[in-house]
PDB file of all heavy atoms in Angstrom:
ATOM      1  N   PRO A   1       4.098  11.715 -11.136  1.00  0.00           N
ATOM      2  CA  PRO A   1       2.768  11.755 -12.002  1.00  0.00           C
ATOM      3  C   PRO A   1       1.652  11.640 -10.996  1.00  0.00           C
ATOM      4  O   PRO A   1       1.750  10.987  -9.853  1.00  0.00           O
ATOM      5  CB  PRO A   1       2.871  10.449 -12.856  1.00  0.00           C
ATOM      6  CG  PRO A   1       4.215   9.927 -12.679  1.00  0.00           C
ATOM      7  CD  PRO A   1       4.951  10.629 -11.571  1.00  0.00           C
ATOM      8  N   ASP A   2       0.551  12.195 -11.372  1.00  0.00           N
ATOM      9  CA  ASP A   2      -0.661  12.293 -10.639  1.00  0.00           C
ATOM     10  C   ASP A   2      -1.121  10.899 -10.221  1.00  0.00           C
ATOM     11  O   ASP A   2      -1.643  10.560  -9.160  1.00  0.00           O
ATOM     12  CB  ASP A   2      -1.742  13.071 -11.134  1.00  0.00           C
ATOM     13  CG  ASP A   2      -1.350  14.552 -11.163  1.00  0.00           C
ATOM     14  OD1 ASP A   2      -0.591  15.024 -10.334  1.00  0.00           O
ATOM     15  OD2 ASP A   2      -1.956  15.288 -12.062  1.00  0.00           O
ATOM     16  N   SER A   3      -1.133   9.853 -11.283  1.00  0.00           N
ATOM     17  CA  SER A   3      -1.534   8.596 -11.072  1.00  0.00           C
ATOM     18  C   SER A   3      -0.734   7.850  -9.960  1.00  0.00           C
ATOM     19  O   SER A   3      -1.272   7.036  -9.215  1.00  0.00           O
ATOM     20  CB  SER A   3      -1.500   7.810 -12.332  1.00  0.00           C
ATOM     21  OG  SER A   3      -0.203   7.776 -12.848  1.00  0.00           O
ATOM     22  N   PHE A   4       0.447   8.115  -9.900  1.00  0.00           N
ATOM     23  CA  PHE A   4       1.337   7.552  -8.819  1.00  0.00           C
ATOM     24  C   PHE A   4       0.909   8.082  -7.511  1.00  0.00           C
ATOM     25  O   PHE A   4       0.867   7.308  -6.515  1.00  0.00           O
ATOM     26  CB  PHE A   4       2.806   7.890  -9.120  1.00  0.00           C
ATOM     27  CG  PHE A   4       3.796   7.336  -8.151  1.00  0.00           C
ATOM     28  CD1 PHE A   4       4.133   5.972  -8.185  1.00  0.00           C
ATOM     29  CD2 PHE A   4       4.340   8.181  -7.093  1.00  0.00           C
ATOM     30  CE1 PHE A   4       5.020   5.464  -7.208  1.00  0.00           C
ATOM     31  CE2 PHE A   4       5.241   7.611  -6.098  1.00  0.00           C
ATOM     32  CZ  PHE A   4       5.506   6.327  -6.238  1.00  0.00           C
ATOM     33  N   LEU A   5       0.758   9.332  -7.347  1.00  0.00           N
ATOM     34  CA  LEU A   5       0.352   9.890  -6.105  1.00  0.00           C
ATOM     35  C   LEU A   5      -1.038   9.313  -5.611  1.00  0.00           C
ATOM     36  O   LEU A   5      -1.242   9.138  -4.445  1.00  0.00           O
ATOM     37  CB  LEU A   5       0.419  11.313  -6.095  1.00  0.00           C
ATOM     38  CG  LEU A   5       1.741  12.049  -6.348  1.00  0.00           C
ATOM     39  CD1 LEU A   5       1.515  13.581  -6.590  1.00  0.00           C
ATOM     40  CD2 LEU A   5       2.615  11.715  -5.205  1.00  0.00           C
ATOM     41  N   ILE A   6      -1.965   9.256  -6.550  1.00  0.00           N
ATOM     42  CA  ILE A   6      -3.246   8.661  -6.225  1.00  0.00           C
ATOM     43  C   ILE A   6      -3.143   7.246  -5.764  1.00  0.00           C
ATOM     44  O   ILE A   6      -3.768   6.768  -4.862  1.00  0.00           O
ATOM     45  CB  ILE A   6      -4.261   8.863  -7.490  1.00  0.00           C
ATOM     46  CG1 ILE A   6      -4.522  10.317  -7.745  1.00  0.00           C
ATOM     47  CG2 ILE A   6      -5.447   8.008  -7.245  1.00  0.00           C
ATOM     48  CD1 ILE A   6      -5.336  10.538  -8.963  1.00  0.00           C
ATOM     49  N   GLY A   7      -2.309   6.439  -6.515  1.00  0.00           N
ATOM     50  CA  GLY A   7      -2.134   5.001  -6.172  1.00  0.00           C
ATOM     51  C   GLY A   7      -1.543   4.918  -4.704  1.00  0.00           C
ATOM     52  O   GLY A   7      -1.930   4.057  -3.967  1.00  0.00           O
ATOM     53  N   ILE A   8      -0.540   5.725  -4.418  1.00  0.00           N
ATOM     54  CA  ILE A   8       0.101   5.649  -2.988  1.00  0.00           C
ATOM     55  C   ILE A   8      -0.925   6.073  -2.026  1.00  0.00           C
ATOM     56  O   ILE A   8      -1.075   5.473  -0.823  1.00  0.00           O
ATOM     57  CB  ILE A   8       1.315   6.599  -3.033  1.00  0.00           C
ATOM     58  CG1 ILE A   8       2.419   5.955  -3.911  1.00  0.00           C
ATOM     59  CG2 ILE A   8       1.817   6.674  -1.553  1.00  0.00           C
ATOM     60  CD1 ILE A   8       2.900   4.497  -3.419  1.00  0.00           C
ATOM     61  N   SER A   9      -1.751   7.139  -2.302  1.00  0.00           N
ATOM     62  CA  SER A   9      -2.727   7.538  -1.360  1.00  0.00           C
ATOM     63  C   SER A   9      -3.789   6.416  -1.124  1.00  0.00           C
ATOM     64  O   SER A   9      -4.183   6.216   0.084  1.00  0.00           O
ATOM     65  CB  SER A   9      -3.489   8.885  -1.917  1.00  0.00           C
ATOM     66  OG  SER A   9      -2.674   9.875  -2.154  1.00  0.00           O
ATOM     67  N   ILE A  10      -4.221   5.821  -2.146  1.00  0.00           N
ATOM     68  CA  ILE A  10      -5.212   4.799  -1.965  1.00  0.00           C
ATOM     69  C   ILE A  10      -4.573   3.547  -1.135  1.00  0.00           C
ATOM     70  O   ILE A  10      -5.247   2.981  -0.224  1.00  0.00           O
ATOM     71  CB  ILE A  10      -5.711   4.097  -3.342  1.00  0.00           C
ATOM     72  CG1 ILE A  10      -6.654   5.133  -3.958  1.00  0.00           C
ATOM     73  CG2 ILE A  10      -6.442   2.871  -3.090  1.00  0.00           C
ATOM     74  CD1 ILE A  10      -6.944   4.874  -5.373  1.00  0.00           C
ATOM     75  N   LEU A  11      -3.252   3.194  -1.349  1.00  0.00           N
ATOM     76  CA  LEU A  11      -2.604   2.190  -0.593  1.00  0.00           C
ATOM     77  C   LEU A  11      -2.533   2.442   0.808  1.00  0.00           C
ATOM     78  O   LEU A  11      -2.811   1.707   1.698  1.00  0.00           O
ATOM     79  CB  LEU A  11      -1.282   1.981  -1.161  1.00  0.00           C
ATOM     80  CG  LEU A  11      -0.320   0.935  -0.428  1.00  0.00           C
ATOM     81  CD1 LEU A  11      -0.896  -0.440  -0.623  1.00  0.00           C
ATOM     82  CD2 LEU A  11       1.035   1.108  -0.932  1.00  0.00           C
ATOM     83  N   LEU A  12      -2.142   3.782   1.155  1.00  0.00           N
ATOM     84  CA  LEU A  12      -2.053   4.132   2.558  1.00  0.00           C
ATOM     85  C   LEU A  12      -3.514   4.162   3.157  1.00  0.00           C
ATOM     86  O   LEU A  12      -3.663   3.805   4.403  1.00  0.00           O
ATOM     87  CB  LEU A  12      -1.424   5.466   2.574  1.00  0.00           C
ATOM     88  CG  LEU A  12       0.026   5.477   2.317  1.00  0.00           C
ATOM     89  CD1 LEU A  12       0.629   6.890   2.331  1.00  0.00           C
ATOM     90  CD2 LEU A  12       0.806   4.682   3.283  1.00  0.00           C
ATOM     91  N   LEU A  13      -4.390   4.610   2.461  1.00  0.00           N
ATOM     92  CA  LEU A  13      -5.790   4.650   2.960  1.00  0.00           C
ATOM     93  C   LEU A  13      -6.351   3.210   3.415  1.00  0.00           C
ATOM     94  O   LEU A  13      -6.820   3.039   4.581  1.00  0.00           O
ATOM     95  CB  LEU A  13      -6.828   5.232   1.950  1.00  0.00           C
ATOM     96  CG  LEU A  13      -8.258   5.243   2.361  1.00  0.00           C
ATOM     97  CD1 LEU A  13      -8.550   6.264   3.509  1.00  0.00           C
ATOM     98  CD2 LEU A  13      -9.137   5.426   1.130  1.00  0.00           C
ATOM     99  N   PHE A  14      -6.015   2.204   2.533  1.00  0.00           N
ATOM    100  CA  PHE A  14      -6.456   0.894   2.851  1.00  0.00           C
ATOM    101  C   PHE A  14      -5.604   0.296   3.924  1.00  0.00           C
ATOM    102  O   PHE A  14      -6.157  -0.431   4.731  1.00  0.00           O
ATOM    103  CB  PHE A  14      -6.441  -0.056   1.575  1.00  0.00           C
ATOM    104  CG  PHE A  14      -7.549   0.111   0.717  1.00  0.00           C
ATOM    105  CD1 PHE A  14      -7.359   0.551  -0.582  1.00  0.00           C
ATOM    106  CD2 PHE A  14      -8.920   0.024   1.038  1.00  0.00           C
ATOM    107  CE1 PHE A  14      -8.400   0.772  -1.467  1.00  0.00           C
ATOM    108  CE2 PHE A  14      -9.955   0.085   0.205  1.00  0.00           C
ATOM    109  CZ  PHE A  14      -9.707   0.560  -1.095  1.00  0.00           C
ATOM    110  N   THR A  15      -4.376   0.662   4.009  1.00  0.00           N
ATOM    111  CA  THR A  15      -3.462   0.133   5.053  1.00  0.00           C
ATOM    112  C   THR A  15      -3.923   0.655   6.452  1.00  0.00           C
ATOM    113  O   THR A  15      -4.024  -0.158   7.292  1.00  0.00           O
ATOM    114  CB  THR A  15      -2.073   0.564   4.780  1.00  0.00           C
ATOM    115  OG1 THR A  15      -1.780   0.163   3.522  1.00  0.00           O
ATOM    116  CG2 THR A  15      -1.108   0.034   5.888  1.00  0.00           C
ATOM    117  N   PHE A  16      -4.183   1.918   6.611  1.00  0.00           N
ATOM    118  CA  PHE A  16      -4.496   2.409   7.971  1.00  0.00           C
ATOM    119  C   PHE A  16      -5.921   2.337   8.353  1.00  0.00           C
ATOM    120  O   PHE A  16      -6.257   2.533   9.514  1.00  0.00           O
ATOM    121  CB  PHE A  16      -4.035   3.800   7.971  1.00  0.00           C
ATOM    122  CG  PHE A  16      -2.493   3.935   7.879  1.00  0.00           C
ATOM    123  CD1 PHE A  16      -1.883   4.539   6.863  1.00  0.00           C
ATOM    124  CD2 PHE A  16      -1.668   3.276   8.885  1.00  0.00           C
ATOM    125  CE1 PHE A  16      -0.500   4.592   6.805  1.00  0.00           C
ATOM    126  CE2 PHE A  16      -0.307   3.390   8.835  1.00  0.00           C
ATOM    127  CZ  PHE A  16       0.331   4.008   7.798  1.00  0.00           C
ATOM    128  N   THR A  17      -6.850   2.101   7.448  1.00  0.00           N
ATOM    129  CA  THR A  17      -8.289   2.016   7.807  1.00  0.00           C
ATOM    130  C   THR A  17      -8.632   0.482   7.926  1.00  0.00           C
ATOM    131  O   THR A  17      -9.824   0.167   8.374  1.00  0.00           O
ATOM    132  CB  THR A  17      -9.184   2.648   6.793  1.00  0.00           C
ATOM    133  OG1 THR A  17      -8.955   2.037   5.513  1.00  0.00           O
ATOM    134  CG2 THR A  17      -8.942   4.184   6.804  1.00  0.00           C
ATOM    135  N   GLY A  18      -7.811  -0.470   7.573  1.00  0.00           N
ATOM    136  CA  GLY A  18      -8.217  -1.940   7.498  1.00  0.00           C
ATOM    137  C   GLY A  18      -8.093  -2.523   8.853  1.00  0.00           C
ATOM    138  O   GLY A  18      -8.744  -3.475   9.106  1.00  0.00           O
ATOM    139  N   CYS A  19      -7.354  -1.978   9.776  1.00  0.00           N
ATOM    140  CA  CYS A  19      -7.132  -2.561  11.077  1.00  0.00           C
ATOM    141  C   CYS A  19      -8.081  -1.899  12.131  1.00  0.00           C
ATOM    142  O   CYS A  19      -7.735  -0.738  12.641  1.00  0.00           O
ATOM    143  CB  CYS A  19      -5.670  -2.482  11.537  1.00  0.00           C
ATOM    144  SG  CYS A  19      -4.515  -3.326  10.433  1.00  0.00           S
ATOM    145  N   LYS A  20      -9.191  -2.507  12.516  1.00  0.00           N
ATOM    146  CA  LYS A  20     -10.001  -2.051  13.442  1.00  0.00           C
ATOM    147  C   LYS A  20      -9.856  -2.689  14.866  1.00  0.00           C
ATOM    148  O   LYS A  20     -10.316  -2.146  15.852  1.00  0.00           O
ATOM    149  CB  LYS A  20     -11.547  -2.157  12.995  1.00  0.00           C
ATOM    150  CG  LYS A  20     -11.829  -1.418  11.798  1.00  0.00           C
ATOM    151  CD  LYS A  20     -11.733   0.060  12.076  1.00  0.00           C
ATOM    152  CE  LYS A  20     -12.129   0.838  10.805  1.00  0.00           C
ATOM    153  NZ  LYS A  20     -11.862   2.301  10.936  1.00  0.00           N
ATOM    154  N   ASN A  21      -9.229  -3.818  14.852  1.00  0.00           N
ATOM    155  CA  ASN A  21      -9.015  -4.610  16.142  1.00  0.00           C
ATOM    156  C   ASN A  21      -7.857  -3.810  16.946  1.00  0.00           C
ATOM    157  O   ASN A  21      -6.989  -3.519  16.332  1.00  0.00           O
ATOM    158  CB  ASN A  21      -8.604  -6.078  15.798  1.00  0.00           C
ATOM    159  CG  ASN A  21      -8.631  -6.860  16.992  1.00  0.00           C
ATOM    160  OD1 ASN A  21      -8.768  -6.397  18.110  1.00  0.00           O
ATOM    161  ND2 ASN A  21      -8.479  -8.224  16.764  1.00  0.00           N
ATOM    162  N   ASN A  22      -8.150  -3.697  18.170  1.00  0.00           N
ATOM    163  CA  ASN A  22      -7.222  -2.983  19.046  1.00  0.00           C
ATOM    164  C   ASN A  22      -5.858  -3.692  19.132  1.00  0.00           C
ATOM    165  O   ASN A  22      -4.855  -3.051  19.211  1.00  0.00           O
ATOM    166  CB  ASN A  22      -7.755  -2.856  20.417  1.00  0.00           C
ATOM    167  CG  ASN A  22      -8.810  -1.802  20.495  1.00  0.00           C
ATOM    168  OD1 ASN A  22      -8.971  -0.953  19.692  1.00  0.00           O
ATOM    169  ND2 ASN A  22      -9.659  -1.868  21.539  1.00  0.00           N
ATOM    170  N   SER A  23      -5.790  -5.014  19.085  1.00  0.00           N
ATOM    171  CA  SER A  23      -4.599  -5.819  19.187  1.00  0.00           C
ATOM    172  C   SER A  23      -3.718  -5.614  17.831  1.00  0.00           C
ATOM    173  O   SER A  23      -2.537  -5.596  17.786  1.00  0.00           O
ATOM    174  CB  SER A  23      -4.792  -7.210  19.406  1.00  0.00           C
ATOM    175  OG  SER A  23      -5.387  -7.821  18.327  1.00  0.00           O
ATOM    176  N   LEU A  24      -4.380  -5.401  16.761  1.00  0.00           N
ATOM    177  CA  LEU A  24      -3.760  -5.251  15.434  1.00  0.00           C
ATOM    178  C   LEU A  24      -3.440  -3.683  15.209  1.00  0.00           C
ATOM    179  O   LEU A  24      -2.429  -3.478  14.516  1.00  0.00           O
ATOM    180  CB  LEU A  24      -4.672  -5.760  14.348  1.00  0.00           C
ATOM    181  CG  LEU A  24      -4.896  -7.130  14.207  1.00  0.00           C
ATOM    182  CD1 LEU A  24      -5.875  -7.496  13.094  1.00  0.00           C
ATOM    183  CD2 LEU A  24      -3.649  -7.948  14.046  1.00  0.00           C
ATOM    184  N   SER A  25      -4.181  -2.841  15.743  1.00  0.00           N
ATOM    185  CA  SER A  25      -3.991  -1.370  15.427  1.00  0.00           C
ATOM    186  C   SER A  25      -2.739  -0.912  16.147  1.00  0.00           C
ATOM    187  O   SER A  25      -2.168   0.127  15.742  1.00  0.00           O
ATOM    188  CB  SER A  25      -5.097  -0.530  15.801  1.00  0.00           C
ATOM    189  OG  SER A  25      -5.389  -0.534  17.198  1.00  0.00           O
ATOM    190  N   SER A  26      -2.271  -1.618  17.171  1.00  0.00           N
ATOM    191  CA  SER A  26      -0.990  -1.114  17.863  1.00  0.00           C
ATOM    192  C   SER A  26       0.238  -1.527  17.137  1.00  0.00           C
ATOM    193  O   SER A  26       1.378  -1.062  17.388  1.00  0.00           O
ATOM    194  CB  SER A  26      -0.970  -1.675  19.339  1.00  0.00           C
ATOM    195  OG  SER A  26      -0.964  -3.124  19.320  1.00  0.00           O
ATOM    196  N   SER A  27       0.114  -2.485  16.176  1.00  0.00           N
ATOM    197  CA  SER A  27       1.273  -3.090  15.426  1.00  0.00           C
ATOM    198  C   SER A  27       1.440  -2.184  14.226  1.00  0.00           C
ATOM    199  O   SER A  27       0.479  -1.740  13.650  1.00  0.00           O
ATOM    200  CB  SER A  27       1.200  -4.521  15.188  1.00  0.00           C
ATOM    201  OG  SER A  27       0.139  -4.772  14.355  1.00  0.00           O
ATOM    202  N   LYS A  28       2.624  -2.230  13.687  1.00  0.00           N
ATOM    203  CA  LYS A  28       2.910  -1.574  12.431  1.00  0.00           C
ATOM    204  C   LYS A  28       2.471  -2.404  11.246  1.00  0.00           C
ATOM    205  O   LYS A  28       2.522  -3.637  11.251  1.00  0.00           O
ATOM    206  CB  LYS A  28       4.395  -1.256  12.262  1.00  0.00           C
ATOM    207  CG  LYS A  28       4.955  -0.244  13.305  1.00  0.00           C
ATOM    208  CD  LYS A  28       6.313   0.042  13.144  1.00  0.00           C
ATOM    209  CE  LYS A  28       6.762   1.057  14.243  1.00  0.00           C
ATOM    210  NZ  LYS A  28       8.206   1.349  14.052  1.00  0.00           N
ATOM    211  N   PRO A  29       1.981  -1.797  10.135  1.00  0.00           N
ATOM    212  CA  PRO A  29       1.544  -2.547   8.963  1.00  0.00           C
ATOM    213  C   PRO A  29       2.692  -3.139   8.234  1.00  0.00           C
ATOM    214  O   PRO A  29       3.817  -2.684   8.327  1.00  0.00           O
ATOM    215  CB  PRO A  29       0.931  -1.429   8.062  1.00  0.00           C
ATOM    216  CG  PRO A  29       1.459  -0.204   8.519  1.00  0.00           C
ATOM    217  CD  PRO A  29       1.833  -0.317   9.927  1.00  0.00           C
ATOM    218  N   ASN A  30       2.379  -4.295   7.641  1.00  0.00           N
ATOM    219  CA  ASN A  30       3.444  -4.957   6.888  1.00  0.00           C
ATOM    220  C   ASN A  30       3.222  -4.712   5.409  1.00  0.00           C
ATOM    221  O   ASN A  30       2.305  -5.221   4.753  1.00  0.00           O
ATOM    222  CB  ASN A  30       3.241  -6.578   7.104  1.00  0.00           C
ATOM    223  CG  ASN A  30       4.447  -7.287   7.555  1.00  0.00           C
ATOM    224  OD1 ASN A  30       5.519  -6.658   7.468  1.00  0.00           O
ATOM    225  ND2 ASN A  30       4.291  -8.513   7.952  1.00  0.00           N
ATOM    226  N   ILE A  31       4.083  -3.890   4.865  1.00  0.00           N
ATOM    227  CA  ILE A  31       3.917  -3.570   3.444  1.00  0.00           C
ATOM    228  C   ILE A  31       5.242  -3.816   2.684  1.00  0.00           C
ATOM    229  O   ILE A  31       6.336  -3.529   3.094  1.00  0.00           O
ATOM    230  CB  ILE A  31       3.735  -1.946   3.342  1.00  0.00           C
ATOM    231  CG1 ILE A  31       2.358  -1.685   4.054  1.00  0.00           C
ATOM    232  CG2 ILE A  31       3.604  -1.501   1.793  1.00  0.00           C
ATOM    233  CD1 ILE A  31       2.073  -0.094   4.098  1.00  0.00           C
ATOM    234  N   ILE A  32       5.026  -4.435   1.474  1.00  0.00           N
ATOM    235  CA  ILE A  32       6.134  -4.732   0.574  1.00  0.00           C
ATOM    236  C   ILE A  32       5.707  -4.026  -0.710  1.00  0.00           C
ATOM    237  O   ILE A  32       4.815  -4.280  -1.302  1.00  0.00           O
ATOM    238  CB  ILE A  32       6.331  -6.214   0.353  1.00  0.00           C
ATOM    239  CG1 ILE A  32       6.718  -6.940   1.582  1.00  0.00           C
ATOM    240  CG2 ILE A  32       7.382  -6.393  -0.674  1.00  0.00           C
ATOM    241  CD1 ILE A  32       6.800  -8.413   1.468  1.00  0.00           C
ATOM    242  N   PHE A  33       6.568  -2.983  -1.101  1.00  0.00           N
ATOM    243  CA  PHE A  33       6.319  -2.247  -2.306  1.00  0.00           C
ATOM    244  C   PHE A  33       7.364  -2.584  -3.290  1.00  0.00           C
ATOM    245  O   PHE A  33       8.655  -2.336  -2.952  1.00  0.00           O
ATOM    246  CB  PHE A  33       6.339  -0.769  -1.998  1.00  0.00           C
ATOM    247  CG  PHE A  33       6.014   0.113  -3.204  1.00  0.00           C
ATOM    248  CD1 PHE A  33       4.879   0.244  -3.687  1.00  0.00           C
ATOM    249  CD2 PHE A  33       7.139   0.819  -3.788  1.00  0.00           C
ATOM    250  CE1 PHE A  33       4.539   1.035  -4.823  1.00  0.00           C
ATOM    251  CE2 PHE A  33       6.900   1.634  -4.853  1.00  0.00           C
ATOM    252  CZ  PHE A  33       5.634   1.749  -5.449  1.00  0.00           C
ATOM    253  N   ILE A  34       7.027  -3.214  -4.424  1.00  0.00           N
ATOM    254  CA  ILE A  34       8.035  -3.686  -5.391  1.00  0.00           C
ATOM    255  C   ILE A  34       7.852  -2.710  -6.628  1.00  0.00           C
ATOM    256  O   ILE A  34       6.806  -2.635  -7.274  1.00  0.00           O
ATOM    257  CB  ILE A  34       7.771  -5.163  -5.860  1.00  0.00           C
ATOM    258  CG1 ILE A  34       7.867  -6.016  -4.698  1.00  0.00           C
ATOM    259  CG2 ILE A  34       8.675  -5.494  -7.005  1.00  0.00           C
ATOM    260  CD1 ILE A  34       7.538  -7.589  -4.947  1.00  0.00           C
ATOM    261  N   LEU A  35       8.916  -1.935  -6.835  1.00  0.00           N
ATOM    262  CA  LEU A  35       9.019  -1.038  -8.122  1.00  0.00           C
ATOM    263  C   LEU A  35      10.015  -1.666  -9.000  1.00  0.00           C
ATOM    264  O   LEU A  35      11.222  -1.826  -8.815  1.00  0.00           O
ATOM    265  CB  LEU A  35       9.487   0.307  -7.576  1.00  0.00           C
ATOM    266  CG  LEU A  35       9.597   1.369  -8.754  1.00  0.00           C
ATOM    267  CD1 LEU A  35       8.317   1.567  -9.368  1.00  0.00           C
ATOM    268  CD2 LEU A  35      10.270   2.628  -8.125  1.00  0.00           C
ATOM    269  N   ALA A  36       9.510  -2.094 -10.227  1.00  0.00           N
ATOM    270  CA  ALA A  36      10.389  -2.709 -11.203  1.00  0.00           C
ATOM    271  C   ALA A  36      10.390  -1.811 -12.441  1.00  0.00           C
ATOM    272  O   ALA A  36       9.343  -1.350 -13.002  1.00  0.00           O
ATOM    273  CB  ALA A  36       9.883  -4.045 -11.517  1.00  0.00           C
ATOM    274  N   ASP A  37      11.548  -1.548 -12.975  1.00  0.00           N
ATOM    275  CA  ASP A  37      11.667  -0.742 -14.165  1.00  0.00           C
ATOM    276  C   ASP A  37      11.507  -1.631 -15.427  1.00  0.00           C
ATOM    277  O   ASP A  37      12.081  -2.748 -15.562  1.00  0.00           O
ATOM    278  CB  ASP A  37      13.076  -0.113 -14.128  1.00  0.00           C
ATOM    279  CG  ASP A  37      13.194   0.857 -15.402  1.00  0.00           C
ATOM    280  OD1 ASP A  37      12.188   1.415 -15.783  1.00  0.00           O
ATOM    281  OD2 ASP A  37      14.357   1.121 -15.869  1.00  0.00           O
ATOM    282  N   ASP A  38      10.705  -1.185 -16.345  1.00  0.00           N
ATOM    283  CA  ASP A  38      10.544  -1.866 -17.725  1.00  0.00           C
ATOM    284  C   ASP A  38      10.006  -3.280 -17.545  1.00  0.00           C
ATOM    285  O   ASP A  38      10.455  -4.212 -18.145  1.00  0.00           O
ATOM    286  CB  ASP A  38      11.906  -1.853 -18.537  1.00  0.00           C
ATOM    287  CG  ASP A  38      11.640  -2.168 -19.891  1.00  0.00           C
ATOM    288  OD1 ASP A  38      10.582  -1.792 -20.440  1.00  0.00           O
ATOM    289  OD2 ASP A  38      12.579  -2.670 -20.616  1.00  0.00           O
ATOM    290  N   MET A  39       9.054  -3.382 -16.680  1.00  0.00           N
ATOM    291  CA  MET A  39       8.355  -4.789 -16.411  1.00  0.00           C
ATOM    292  C   MET A  39       6.880  -4.559 -16.899  1.00  0.00           C
ATOM    293  O   MET A  39       6.265  -3.629 -16.374  1.00  0.00           O
ATOM    294  CB  MET A  39       8.458  -5.142 -14.992  1.00  0.00           C
ATOM    295  CG  MET A  39       7.927  -6.432 -14.728  1.00  0.00           C
ATOM    296  SD  MET A  39       8.235  -7.003 -12.971  1.00  0.00           S
ATOM    297  CE  MET A  39       6.590  -7.292 -12.553  1.00  0.00           C
ATOM    298  N   SER A  40       6.418  -5.381 -17.689  1.00  0.00           N
ATOM    299  CA  SER A  40       5.025  -5.359 -18.067  1.00  0.00           C
ATOM    300  C   SER A  40       4.133  -6.175 -17.123  1.00  0.00           C
ATOM    301  O   SER A  40       4.603  -6.803 -16.271  1.00  0.00           O
ATOM    302  CB  SER A  40       4.835  -5.754 -19.438  1.00  0.00           C
ATOM    303  OG  SER A  40       4.917  -7.223 -19.565  1.00  0.00           O
ATOM    304  N   TYR A  41       2.888  -6.074 -17.202  1.00  0.00           N
ATOM    305  CA  TYR A  41       1.975  -6.732 -16.321  1.00  0.00           C
ATOM    306  C   TYR A  41       2.052  -8.194 -16.419  1.00  0.00           C
ATOM    307  O   TYR A  41       1.888  -8.886 -15.390  1.00  0.00           O
ATOM    308  CB  TYR A  41       0.443  -6.282 -16.741  1.00  0.00           C
ATOM    309  CG  TYR A  41      -0.577  -6.720 -15.778  1.00  0.00           C
ATOM    310  CD1 TYR A  41      -0.808  -6.012 -14.673  1.00  0.00           C
ATOM    311  CD2 TYR A  41      -1.430  -7.760 -16.100  1.00  0.00           C
ATOM    312  CE1 TYR A  41      -1.796  -6.398 -13.714  1.00  0.00           C
ATOM    313  CE2 TYR A  41      -2.253  -8.261 -15.084  1.00  0.00           C
ATOM    314  CZ  TYR A  41      -2.548  -7.488 -13.951  1.00  0.00           C
ATOM    315  OH  TYR A  41      -3.513  -7.884 -13.093  1.00  0.00           O
ATOM    316  N   TYR A  42       2.319  -8.811 -17.497  1.00  0.00           N
ATOM    317  CA  TYR A  42       2.425 -10.195 -17.617  1.00  0.00           C
ATOM    318  C   TYR A  42       3.838 -10.733 -17.565  1.00  0.00           C
ATOM    319  O   TYR A  42       4.092 -11.968 -18.055  1.00  0.00           O
ATOM    320  CB  TYR A  42       1.698 -10.677 -18.936  1.00  0.00           C
ATOM    321  CG  TYR A  42       0.256 -10.312 -18.989  1.00  0.00           C
ATOM    322  CD1 TYR A  42      -0.237  -9.290 -19.775  1.00  0.00           C
ATOM    323  CD2 TYR A  42      -0.645 -11.147 -18.175  1.00  0.00           C
ATOM    324  CE1 TYR A  42      -1.542  -8.941 -19.704  1.00  0.00           C
ATOM    325  CE2 TYR A  42      -1.990 -10.791 -18.187  1.00  0.00           C
ATOM    326  CZ  TYR A  42      -2.385  -9.715 -18.922  1.00  0.00           C
ATOM    327  OH  TYR A  42      -3.760  -9.397 -18.893  1.00  0.00           O
ATOM    328  N   ASP A  43       4.812 -10.090 -16.954  1.00  0.00           N
ATOM    329  CA  ASP A  43       6.058 -10.630 -16.774  1.00  0.00           C
ATOM    330  C   ASP A  43       6.256 -11.522 -15.492  1.00  0.00           C
ATOM    331  O   ASP A  43       7.439 -11.952 -15.210  1.00  0.00           O
ATOM    332  CB  ASP A  43       7.055  -9.455 -16.759  1.00  0.00           C
ATOM    333  CG  ASP A  43       7.327  -8.917 -18.133  1.00  0.00           C
ATOM    334  OD1 ASP A  43       7.043  -9.522 -19.095  1.00  0.00           O
ATOM    335  OD2 ASP A  43       7.940  -7.811 -18.188  1.00  0.00           O
TER     336      ASP A  43
END
């Protein structure tokens, strides 16, 4: 779905543009992506 692709694009944009410090930019980002089937917002 287009909304999924847009969400992943925004996540990657914030991940790679958030580190401006040289000591942080050389390390890999720490990302945990949780995909749960049939889970609502308030679960």
